[in-house]
Amino acid sequence: TKTDGTLWGWGDNGNGDLGLNNKTTYSSPTQVPGTTWDRVWPAQSGSTRASKTDGTLWAWGSGSVGGWGPGKYSSPIQIGSDTNWRQQHIVGGFKSI
């Protein structure tokens, strides 16, 4: 993420794991839709997760790691409605605290 809250991605996007609503490979940084991104946990097996400054959790890509919920989406989808997400050091992901 940049200091202005924007999120940028590039590279292989075969699972939609860049969050750009397509599966096109990008050779230069391209902005992920939305603003107020706070943290991002890069793709693992085609899944990307990120939180926003309001504490909401978002995910996109293949959804193959930890079965995070919505399945295959190539653009950010909000996970649940909690606003107190943070990364836990456990296999498969995240926990609302």
PDB file of N, CA and C in Angstrom:
ATOM      1  N   THR A   1       0.841  -1.186   0.000  1.00  0.00           N
ATOM      2  CA  THR A   1       0.000   0.000   0.000  1.00  0.00           C
ATOM      3  C   THR A   1       0.884   1.246   0.000  1.00  0.00           C
ATOM      4  N   LYS A   2       0.331   2.306  -0.558  1.00  0.00           N
ATOM      5  CA  LYS A   2       1.030   3.579  -0.536  1.00  0.00           C
ATOM      6  C   LYS A   2       0.503   4.407   0.635  1.00  0.00           C
ATOM      7  N   THR A   3       1.196   5.469   0.958  1.00  0.00           N
ATOM      8  CA  THR A   3       0.789   6.307   2.093  1.00  0.00           C
ATOM      9  C   THR A   3      -0.565   6.976   1.872  1.00  0.00           C
ATOM     10  N   ASP A   4      -1.016   7.078   0.621  1.00  0.00           N
ATOM     11  CA  ASP A   4      -2.327   7.668   0.347  1.00  0.00           C
ATOM     12  C   ASP A   4      -3.462   6.648   0.429  1.00  0.00           C
ATOM     13  N   GLY A   5      -3.141   5.401   0.841  1.00  0.00           N
ATOM     14  CA  GLY A   5      -4.163   4.373   0.998  1.00  0.00           C
ATOM     15  C   GLY A   5      -4.481   3.593  -0.254  1.00  0.00           C
ATOM     16  N   THR A   6      -3.764   3.838  -1.334  1.00  0.00           N
ATOM     17  CA  THR A   6      -3.998   3.067  -2.559  1.00  0.00           C
ATOM     18  C   THR A   6      -3.159   1.796  -2.527  1.00  0.00           C
ATOM     19  N   LEU A   7      -3.633   0.805  -3.258  1.00  0.00           N
ATOM     20  CA  LEU A   7      -2.975  -0.495  -3.335  1.00  0.00           C
ATOM     21  C   LEU A   7      -2.664  -0.768  -4.800  1.00  0.00           C
ATOM     22  N   TRP A   8      -1.470  -1.258  -5.061  1.00  0.00           N
ATOM     23  CA  TRP A   8      -1.012  -1.464  -6.428  1.00  0.00           C
ATOM     24  C   TRP A   8      -0.503  -2.892  -6.589  1.00  0.00           C
ATOM     25  N   GLY A   9      -0.700  -3.464  -7.774  1.00  0.00           N
ATOM     26  CA  GLY A   9      -0.234  -4.812  -8.029  1.00  0.00           C
ATOM     27  C   GLY A   9       0.287  -4.959  -9.440  1.00  0.00           C
ATOM     28  N   TRP A  10       1.139  -5.971  -9.633  1.00  0.00           N
ATOM     29  CA  TRP A  10       1.641  -6.296 -10.957  1.00  0.00           C
ATOM     30  C   TRP A  10       2.181  -7.715 -10.943  1.00  0.00           C
ATOM     31  N   GLY A  11       2.389  -8.250 -12.130  1.00  0.00           N
ATOM     32  CA  GLY A  11       2.902  -9.609 -12.269  1.00  0.00           C
ATOM     33  C   GLY A  11       1.834 -10.570 -12.742  1.00  0.00           C
ATOM     34  N   ASP A  12       2.050 -11.855 -12.434  1.00  0.00           N
ATOM     35  CA  ASP A  12       1.120 -12.902 -12.845  1.00  0.00           C
ATOM     36  C   ASP A  12      -0.219 -12.715 -12.157  1.00  0.00           C
ATOM     37  N   ASN A  13      -1.278 -12.832 -12.911  1.00  0.00           N
ATOM     38  CA  ASN A  13      -2.624 -12.590 -12.409  1.00  0.00           C
ATOM     39  C   ASN A  13      -3.559 -13.703 -12.862  1.00  0.00           C
ATOM     40  N   GLY A  14      -3.013 -14.896 -13.056  1.00  0.00           N
ATOM     41  CA  GLY A  14      -3.776 -16.006 -13.607  1.00  0.00           C
ATOM     42  C   GLY A  14      -4.972 -16.435 -12.784  1.00  0.00           C
ATOM     43  N   ASN A  15      -4.958 -16.169 -11.471  1.00  0.00           N
ATOM     44  CA  ASN A  15      -6.091 -16.503 -10.604  1.00  0.00           C
ATOM     45  C   ASN A  15      -6.898 -15.278 -10.213  1.00  0.00           C
ATOM     46  N   GLY A  16      -6.591 -14.127 -10.812  1.00  0.00           N
ATOM     47  CA  GLY A  16      -7.262 -12.893 -10.420  1.00  0.00           C
ATOM     48  C   GLY A  16      -6.731 -12.366  -9.099  1.00  0.00           C
ATOM     49  N   ASP A  17      -5.528 -12.808  -8.714  1.00  0.00           N
ATOM     50  CA  ASP A  17      -5.008 -12.466  -7.399  1.00  0.00           C
ATOM     51  C   ASP A  17      -4.452 -11.048  -7.291  1.00  0.00           C
ATOM     52  N   LEU A  18      -4.511 -10.256  -8.367  1.00  0.00           N
ATOM     53  CA  LEU A  18      -4.138  -8.843  -8.271  1.00  0.00           C
ATOM     54  C   LEU A  18      -5.339  -7.963  -7.927  1.00  0.00           C
ATOM     55  N   GLY A  19      -6.549  -8.509  -7.967  1.00  0.00           N
ATOM     56  CA  GLY A  19      -7.733  -7.738  -7.594  1.00  0.00           C
ATOM     57  C   GLY A  19      -8.159  -6.719  -8.623  1.00  0.00           C
ATOM     58  N   LEU A  20      -7.824  -6.950  -9.881  1.00  0.00           N
ATOM     59  CA  LEU A  20      -8.101  -5.983 -10.937  1.00  0.00           C
ATOM     60  C   LEU A  20      -9.284  -6.373 -11.814  1.00  0.00           C
ATOM     61  N   ASN A  21     -10.083  -7.320 -11.378  1.00  0.00           N
ATOM     62  CA  ASN A  21     -11.286  -7.774 -12.070  1.00  0.00           C
ATOM     63  C   ASN A  21     -10.984  -8.388 -13.438  1.00  0.00           C
ATOM     64  N   ASN A  22      -9.811  -9.026 -13.547  1.00  0.00           N
ATOM     65  CA  ASN A  22      -9.456  -9.741 -14.768  1.00  0.00           C
ATOM     66  C   ASN A  22      -8.347 -10.736 -14.431  1.00  0.00           C
ATOM     67  N   LYS A  23      -7.850 -11.410 -15.441  1.00  0.00           N
ATOM     68  CA  LYS A  23      -6.754 -12.363 -15.234  1.00  0.00           C
ATOM     69  C   LYS A  23      -5.584 -12.040 -16.157  1.00  0.00           C
ATOM     70  N   THR A  24      -5.413 -10.759 -16.454  1.00  0.00           N
ATOM     71  CA  THR A  24      -4.346 -10.264 -17.309  1.00  0.00           C
ATOM     72  C   THR A  24      -3.065 -10.108 -16.507  1.00  0.00           C
ATOM     73  N   THR A  25      -1.927 -10.478 -17.083  1.00  0.00           N
ATOM     74  CA  THR A  25      -0.633 -10.264 -16.444  1.00  0.00           C
ATOM     75  C   THR A  25      -0.191  -8.833 -16.705  1.00  0.00           C
ATOM     76  N   TYR A  26       0.321  -8.172 -15.653  1.00  0.00           N
ATOM     77  CA  TYR A  26       0.752  -6.774 -15.746  1.00  0.00           C
ATOM     78  C   TYR A  26       2.249  -6.671 -15.499  1.00  0.00           C
ATOM     79  N   SER A  27       2.950  -5.920 -16.360  1.00  0.00           N
ATOM     80  CA  SER A  27       4.390  -5.748 -16.196  1.00  0.00           C
ATOM     81  C   SER A  27       4.740  -4.464 -15.447  1.00  0.00           C
ATOM     82  N   SER A  28       3.744  -3.635 -15.168  1.00  0.00           N
ATOM     83  CA  SER A  28       3.992  -2.411 -14.404  1.00  0.00           C
ATOM     84  C   SER A  28       2.869  -2.242 -13.374  1.00  0.00           C
ATOM     85  N   PRO A  29       3.125  -1.490 -12.305  1.00  0.00           N
ATOM     86  CA  PRO A  29       2.126  -1.324 -11.243  1.00  0.00           C
ATOM     87  C   PRO A  29       0.800  -0.778 -11.756  1.00  0.00           C
ATOM     88  N   THR A  30      -0.286  -1.404 -11.302  1.00  0.00           N
ATOM     89  CA  THR A  30      -1.639  -1.005 -11.661  1.00  0.00           C
ATOM     90  C   THR A  30      -2.452  -0.926 -10.378  1.00  0.00           C
ATOM     91  N   GLN A  31      -3.249   0.134 -10.232  1.00  0.00           N
ATOM     92  CA  GLN A  31      -3.977   0.345  -8.978  1.00  0.00           C
ATOM     93  C   GLN A  31      -5.142  -0.630  -8.827  1.00  0.00           C
ATOM     94  N   VAL A  32      -5.228  -1.236  -7.645  1.00  0.00           N
ATOM     95  CA  VAL A  32      -6.359  -2.074  -7.268  1.00  0.00           C
ATOM     96  C   VAL A  32      -7.513  -1.130  -6.936  1.00  0.00           C
ATOM     97  N   PRO A  33      -8.754  -1.452  -7.346  1.00  0.00           N
ATOM     98  CA  PRO A  33      -9.879  -0.562  -7.062  1.00  0.00           C
ATOM     99  C   PRO A  33     -10.012  -0.243  -5.570  1.00  0.00           C
ATOM    100  N   GLY A  34     -10.416   0.971  -5.291  1.00  0.00           N
ATOM    101  CA  GLY A  34     -10.668   1.390  -3.919  1.00  0.00           C
ATOM    102  C   GLY A  34      -9.506   2.153  -3.316  1.00  0.00           C
ATOM    103  N   THR A  35      -9.781   2.709  -2.156  1.00  0.00           N
ATOM    104  CA  THR A  35      -8.763   3.440  -1.404  1.00  0.00           C
ATOM    105  C   THR A  35      -8.878   3.031   0.050  1.00  0.00           C
ATOM    106  N   THR A  36      -8.113   3.641   0.869  1.00  0.00           N
ATOM    107  CA  THR A  36      -8.071   3.381   2.309  1.00  0.00           C
ATOM    108  C   THR A  36      -7.587   1.977   2.651  1.00  0.00           C
ATOM    109  N   TRP A  37      -6.759   1.374   1.780  1.00  0.00           N
ATOM    110  CA  TRP A  37      -6.147   0.087   2.092  1.00  0.00           C
ATOM    111  C   TRP A  37      -5.098   0.309   3.160  1.00  0.00           C
ATOM    112  N   ASP A  38      -5.001  -0.617   4.100  1.00  0.00           N
ATOM    113  CA  ASP A  38      -4.073  -0.495   5.214  1.00  0.00           C
ATOM    114  C   ASP A  38      -2.940  -1.513   5.126  1.00  0.00           C
ATOM    115  N   ARG A  39      -3.289  -2.786   4.993  1.00  0.00           N
ATOM    116  CA  ARG A  39      -2.308  -3.868   4.933  1.00  0.00           C
ATOM    117  C   ARG A  39      -2.722  -4.855   3.861  1.00  0.00           C
ATOM    118  N   VAL A  40      -1.723  -5.515   3.300  1.00  0.00           N
ATOM    119  CA  VAL A  40      -2.015  -6.549   2.309  1.00  0.00           C
ATOM    120  C   VAL A  40      -1.138  -7.757   2.604  1.00  0.00           C
ATOM    121  N   TRP A  41      -1.731  -8.923   2.451  1.00  0.00           N
ATOM    122  CA  TRP A  41      -1.021 -10.175   2.595  1.00  0.00           C
ATOM    123  C   TRP A  41      -1.029 -10.809   1.219  1.00  0.00           C
ATOM    124  N   PRO A  42       0.122 -10.782   0.513  1.00  0.00           N
ATOM    125  CA  PRO A  42       0.184 -11.189  -0.883  1.00  0.00           C
ATOM    126  C   PRO A  42      -0.311 -12.603  -1.136  1.00  0.00           C
ATOM    127  N   ALA A  43      -0.549 -12.820  -2.403  1.00  0.00           N
ATOM    128  CA  ALA A  43      -1.116 -14.076  -2.875  1.00  0.00           C
ATOM    129  C   ALA A  43      -0.344 -15.291  -2.379  1.00  0.00           C
ATOM    130  N   GLN A  44      -1.092 -16.242  -1.879  1.00  0.00           N
ATOM    131  CA  GLN A  44      -0.572 -17.560  -1.529  1.00  0.00           C
ATOM    132  C   GLN A  44      -1.481 -18.535  -2.251  1.00  0.00           C
ATOM    133  N   SER A  45      -0.913 -19.284  -3.160  1.00  0.00           N
ATOM    134  CA  SER A  45      -1.711 -20.202  -3.978  1.00  0.00           C
ATOM    135  C   SER A  45      -2.868 -19.481  -4.656  1.00  0.00           C
ATOM    136  N   GLY A  46      -2.619 -18.250  -5.093  1.00  0.00           N
ATOM    137  CA  GLY A  46      -3.616 -17.515  -5.848  1.00  0.00           C
ATOM    138  C   GLY A  46      -4.610 -16.713  -5.040  1.00  0.00           C
ATOM    139  N   SER A  47      -4.435 -16.583  -3.742  1.00  0.00           N
ATOM    140  CA  SER A  47      -5.356 -15.816  -2.910  1.00  0.00           C
ATOM    141  C   SER A  47      -4.647 -14.613  -2.301  1.00  0.00           C
ATOM    142  N   THR A  48      -5.297 -13.463  -2.329  1.00  0.00           N
ATOM    143  CA  THR A  48      -4.759 -12.254  -1.706  1.00  0.00           C
ATOM    144  C   THR A  48      -5.778 -11.756  -0.697  1.00  0.00           C
ATOM    145  N   ARG A  49      -5.290 -11.258   0.432  1.00  0.00           N
ATOM    146  CA  ARG A  49      -6.162 -10.683   1.456  1.00  0.00           C
ATOM    147  C   ARG A  49      -5.607  -9.326   1.836  1.00  0.00           C
ATOM    148  N   ALA A  50      -6.485  -8.409   2.180  1.00  0.00           N
ATOM    149  CA  ALA A  50      -6.060  -7.075   2.587  1.00  0.00           C
ATOM    150  C   ALA A  50      -7.078  -6.502   3.557  1.00  0.00           C
ATOM    151  N   SER A  51      -6.601  -5.607   4.408  1.00  0.00           N
ATOM    152  CA  SER A  51      -7.522  -4.905   5.305  1.00  0.00           C
ATOM    153  C   SER A  51      -7.512  -3.433   4.935  1.00  0.00           C
ATOM    154  N   LYS A  52      -8.609  -2.777   5.264  1.00  0.00           N
ATOM    155  CA  LYS A  52      -8.721  -1.342   5.045  1.00  0.00           C
ATOM    156  C   LYS A  52      -8.551  -0.629   6.382  1.00  0.00           C
ATOM    157  N   THR A  53      -8.383   0.676   6.323  1.00  0.00           N
ATOM    158  CA  THR A  53      -8.172   1.439   7.549  1.00  0.00           C
ATOM    159  C   THR A  53      -9.374   1.394   8.483  1.00  0.00           C
ATOM    160  N   ASP A  54     -10.545   1.023   7.976  1.00  0.00           N
ATOM    161  CA  ASP A  54     -11.727   0.902   8.839  1.00  0.00           C
ATOM    162  C   ASP A  54     -11.803  -0.460   9.525  1.00  0.00           C
ATOM    163  N   GLY A  55     -10.777  -1.321   9.318  1.00  0.00           N
ATOM    164  CA  GLY A  55     -10.711  -2.624   9.971  1.00  0.00           C
ATOM    165  C   GLY A  55     -11.424  -3.736   9.236  1.00  0.00           C
ATOM    166  N   THR A  56     -12.013  -3.474   8.072  1.00  0.00           N
ATOM    167  CA  THR A  56     -12.683  -4.523   7.307  1.00  0.00           C
ATOM    168  C   THR A  56     -11.654  -5.375   6.571  1.00  0.00           C
ATOM    169  N   LEU A  57     -12.017  -6.638   6.311  1.00  0.00           N
ATOM    170  CA  LEU A  57     -11.148  -7.590   5.633  1.00  0.00           C
ATOM    171  C   LEU A  57     -11.700  -7.867   4.245  1.00  0.00           C
ATOM    172  N   TRP A  58     -10.821  -7.897   3.275  1.00  0.00           N
ATOM    173  CA  TRP A  58     -11.183  -8.109   1.873  1.00  0.00           C
ATOM    174  C   TRP A  58     -10.303  -9.215   1.307  1.00  0.00           C
ATOM    175  N   ALA A  59     -10.803  -9.954   0.325  1.00  0.00           N
ATOM    176  CA  ALA A  59     -10.035 -11.033  -0.292  1.00  0.00           C
ATOM    177  C   ALA A  59     -10.410 -11.150  -1.762  1.00  0.00           C
ATOM    178  N   TRP A  60      -9.477 -11.720  -2.523  1.00  0.00           N
ATOM    179  CA  TRP A  60      -9.731 -11.978  -3.936  1.00  0.00           C
ATOM    180  C   TRP A  60      -8.746 -13.020  -4.422  1.00  0.00           C
ATOM    181  N   GLY A  61      -9.002 -13.521  -5.612  1.00  0.00           N
ATOM    182  CA  GLY A  61      -8.169 -14.588  -6.180  1.00  0.00           C
ATOM    183  C   GLY A  61      -8.901 -15.916  -6.130  1.00  0.00           C
ATOM    184  N   SER A  62      -8.131 -16.998  -6.099  1.00  0.00           N
ATOM    185  CA  SER A  62      -8.737 -18.328  -6.219  1.00  0.00           C
ATOM    186  C   SER A  62      -9.442 -18.797  -4.957  1.00  0.00           C
ATOM    187  N   GLY A  63      -9.079 -18.264  -3.820  1.00  0.00           N
ATOM    188  CA  GLY A  63      -9.719 -18.706  -2.572  1.00  0.00           C
ATOM    189  C   GLY A  63      -9.302 -20.094  -2.146  1.00  0.00           C
ATOM    190  N   SER A  64      -8.181 -20.574  -2.675  1.00  0.00           N
ATOM    191  CA  SER A  64      -7.798 -21.959  -2.392  1.00  0.00           C
ATOM    192  C   SER A  64      -7.108 -22.141  -1.047  1.00  0.00           C
ATOM    193  N   VAL A  65      -6.605 -21.075  -0.452  1.00  0.00           N
ATOM    194  CA  VAL A  65      -5.900 -21.189   0.822  1.00  0.00           C
ATOM    195  C   VAL A  65      -6.869 -20.956   1.974  1.00  0.00           C
ATOM    196  N   GLY A  66      -7.070 -21.956   2.779  1.00  0.00           N
ATOM    197  CA  GLY A  66      -7.903 -21.786   3.961  1.00  0.00           C
ATOM    198  C   GLY A  66      -9.382 -21.646   3.689  1.00  0.00           C
ATOM    199  N   GLY A  67      -9.799 -21.763   2.436  1.00  0.00           N
ATOM    200  CA  GLY A  67     -11.217 -21.641   2.116  1.00  0.00           C
ATOM    201  C   GLY A  67     -11.839 -20.375   2.671  1.00  0.00           C
ATOM    202  N   TRP A  68     -11.271 -19.203   2.344  1.00  0.00           N
ATOM    203  CA  TRP A  68     -11.673 -17.963   2.979  1.00  0.00           C
ATOM    204  C   TRP A  68     -13.063 -17.492   2.675  1.00  0.00           C
ATOM    205  N   GLY A  69     -13.783 -18.147   1.862  1.00  0.00           N
ATOM    206  CA  GLY A  69     -15.176 -17.750   1.732  1.00  0.00           C
ATOM    207  C   GLY A  69     -15.749 -17.670   0.347  1.00  0.00           C
ATOM    208  N   PRO A  70     -15.593 -16.547  -0.332  1.00  0.00           N
ATOM    209  CA  PRO A  70     -16.402 -16.335  -1.522  1.00  0.00           C
ATOM    210  C   PRO A  70     -16.047 -17.162  -2.737  1.00  0.00           C
ATOM    211  N   GLY A  71     -14.920 -17.839  -2.742  1.00  0.00           N
ATOM    212  CA  GLY A  71     -14.573 -18.634  -3.921  1.00  0.00           C
ATOM    213  C   GLY A  71     -13.703 -17.842  -4.862  1.00  0.00           C
ATOM    214  N   LYS A  72     -13.906 -17.979  -6.161  1.00  0.00           N
ATOM    215  CA  LYS A  72     -13.037 -17.317  -7.122  1.00  0.00           C
ATOM    216  C   LYS A  72     -13.586 -15.955  -7.513  1.00  0.00           C
ATOM    217  N   TYR A  73     -12.891 -14.920  -7.073  1.00  0.00           N
ATOM    218  CA  TYR A  73     -13.228 -13.550  -7.438  1.00  0.00           C
ATOM    219  C   TYR A  73     -11.971 -12.841  -7.870  1.00  0.00           C
ATOM    220  N   SER A  74     -12.050 -12.060  -8.946  1.00  0.00           N
ATOM    221  CA  SER A  74     -10.875 -11.340  -9.425  1.00  0.00           C
ATOM    222  C   SER A  74     -10.905  -9.870  -9.019  1.00  0.00           C
ATOM    223  N   SER A  75     -11.849  -9.495  -8.176  1.00  0.00           N
ATOM    224  CA  SER A  75     -11.869  -8.150  -7.606  1.00  0.00           C
ATOM    225  C   SER A  75     -12.154  -8.287  -6.115  1.00  0.00           C
ATOM    226  N   PRO A  76     -11.770  -7.294  -5.308  1.00  0.00           N
ATOM    227  CA  PRO A  76     -11.927  -7.394  -3.856  1.00  0.00           C
ATOM    228  C   PRO A  76     -13.377  -7.610  -3.416  1.00  0.00           C
ATOM    229  N   ILE A  77     -13.566  -8.595  -2.519  1.00  0.00           N
ATOM    230  CA  ILE A  77     -14.862  -8.922  -1.926  1.00  0.00           C
ATOM    231  C   ILE A  77     -14.699  -8.839  -0.415  1.00  0.00           C
ATOM    232  N   GLN A  78     -15.595  -8.112   0.253  1.00  0.00           N
ATOM    233  CA  GLN A  78     -15.490  -8.002   1.704  1.00  0.00           C
ATOM    234  C   GLN A  78     -15.840  -9.325   2.368  1.00  0.00           C
ATOM    235  N   ILE A  79     -15.037  -9.713   3.359  1.00  0.00           N
ATOM    236  CA  ILE A  79     -15.252 -10.944   4.104  1.00  0.00           C
ATOM    237  C   ILE A  79     -15.913 -10.581   5.431  1.00  0.00           C
ATOM    238  N   GLY A  80     -17.164 -11.009   5.592  1.00  0.00           N
ATOM    239  CA  GLY A  80     -17.904 -10.718   6.816  1.00  0.00           C
ATOM    240  C   GLY A  80     -18.166  -9.236   6.982  1.00  0.00           C
ATOM    241  N   SER A  81     -18.600  -8.863   8.183  1.00  0.00           N
ATOM    242  CA  SER A  81     -18.898  -7.457   8.442  1.00  0.00           C
ATOM    243  C   SER A  81     -18.106  -6.905   9.629  1.00  0.00           C
ATOM    244  N   ASP A  82     -17.249  -7.739  10.229  1.00  0.00           N
ATOM    245  CA  ASP A  82     -16.451  -7.267  11.354  1.00  0.00           C
ATOM    246  C   ASP A  82     -15.519  -6.139  10.921  1.00  0.00           C
ATOM    247  N   THR A  83     -15.146  -5.322  11.880  1.00  0.00           N
ATOM    248  CA  THR A  83     -14.232  -4.221  11.597  1.00  0.00           C
ATOM    249  C   THR A  83     -13.006  -4.260  12.502  1.00  0.00           C
ATOM    250  N   ASN A  84     -12.661  -5.451  12.968  1.00  0.00           N
ATOM    251  CA  ASN A  84     -11.514  -5.583  13.856  1.00  0.00           C
ATOM    252  C   ASN A  84     -10.618  -6.751  13.448  1.00  0.00           C
ATOM    253  N   TRP A  85     -10.290  -6.802  12.167  1.00  0.00           N
ATOM    254  CA  TRP A  85      -9.473  -7.900  11.657  1.00  0.00           C
ATOM    255  C   TRP A  85      -7.992  -7.581  11.785  1.00  0.00           C
ATOM    256  N   ARG A  86      -7.218  -8.599  12.071  1.00  0.00           N
ATOM    257  CA  ARG A  86      -5.771  -8.498  12.010  1.00  0.00           C
ATOM    258  C   ARG A  86      -5.227  -9.875  11.665  1.00  0.00           C
ATOM    259  N   GLN A  87      -4.039  -9.900  11.092  1.00  0.00           N
ATOM    260  CA  GLN A  87      -3.450 -11.166  10.663  1.00  0.00           C
ATOM    261  C   GLN A  87      -2.976 -11.954  11.874  1.00  0.00           C
ATOM    262  N   GLN A  88      -3.244 -13.234  11.849  1.00  0.00           N
ATOM    263  CA  GLN A  88      -2.732 -14.163  12.854  1.00  0.00           C
ATOM    264  C   GLN A  88      -1.699 -15.052  12.192  1.00  0.00           C
ATOM    265  N   HIS A  89      -0.739 -15.494  12.933  1.00  0.00           N
ATOM    266  CA  HIS A  89       0.302 -16.358  12.379  1.00  0.00           C
ATOM    267  C   HIS A  89      -0.123 -17.819  12.492  1.00  0.00           C
ATOM    268  N   ILE A  90      -1.183 -18.144  11.776  1.00  0.00           N
ATOM    269  CA  ILE A  90      -1.679 -19.506  11.725  1.00  0.00           C
ATOM    270  C   ILE A  90      -1.883 -19.882  10.269  1.00  0.00           C
ATOM    271  N   VAL A  91      -1.801 -21.140   9.968  1.00  0.00           N
ATOM    272  CA  VAL A  91      -1.982 -21.594   8.597  1.00  0.00           C
ATOM    273  C   VAL A  91      -3.408 -21.284   8.167  1.00  0.00           C
ATOM    274  N   GLY A  92      -3.544 -20.728   6.967  1.00  0.00           N
ATOM    275  CA  GLY A  92      -4.862 -20.474   6.426  1.00  0.00           C
ATOM    276  C   GLY A  92      -5.430 -19.143   6.800  1.00  0.00           C
ATOM    277  N   GLY A  93      -4.723 -18.344   7.620  1.00  0.00           N
ATOM    278  CA  GLY A  93      -5.239 -17.046   7.614  1.00  0.00           C
ATOM    279  C   GLY A  93      -5.408 -16.111   8.737  1.00  0.00           C
ATOM    280  N   PHE A  94      -6.614 -15.732   8.978  1.00  0.00           N
ATOM    281  CA  PHE A  94      -6.928 -14.548   9.743  1.00  0.00           C
ATOM    282  C   PHE A  94      -7.932 -14.843  10.819  1.00  0.00           C
ATOM    283  N   LYS A  95      -7.990 -13.965  11.770  1.00  0.00           N
ATOM    284  CA  LYS A  95      -8.951 -14.101  12.841  1.00  0.00           C
ATOM    285  C   LYS A  95      -9.428 -12.726  13.267  1.00  0.00           C
ATOM    286  N   SER A  96     -10.696 -12.605  13.528  1.00  0.00           N
ATOM    287  CA  SER A  96     -11.241 -11.357  14.033  1.00  0.00           C
ATOM    288  C   SER A  96     -11.012 -11.323  15.533  1.00  0.00           C
ATOM    289  N   ILE A  97     -10.402 -10.245  16.023  1.00  0.00           N
ATOM    290  CA  ILE A  97     -10.117 -10.146  17.460  1.00  0.00           C
ATOM    291  C   ILE A  97     -10.783  -8.906  18.037  1.00  0.00           C
TER     292      ILE A  97
END
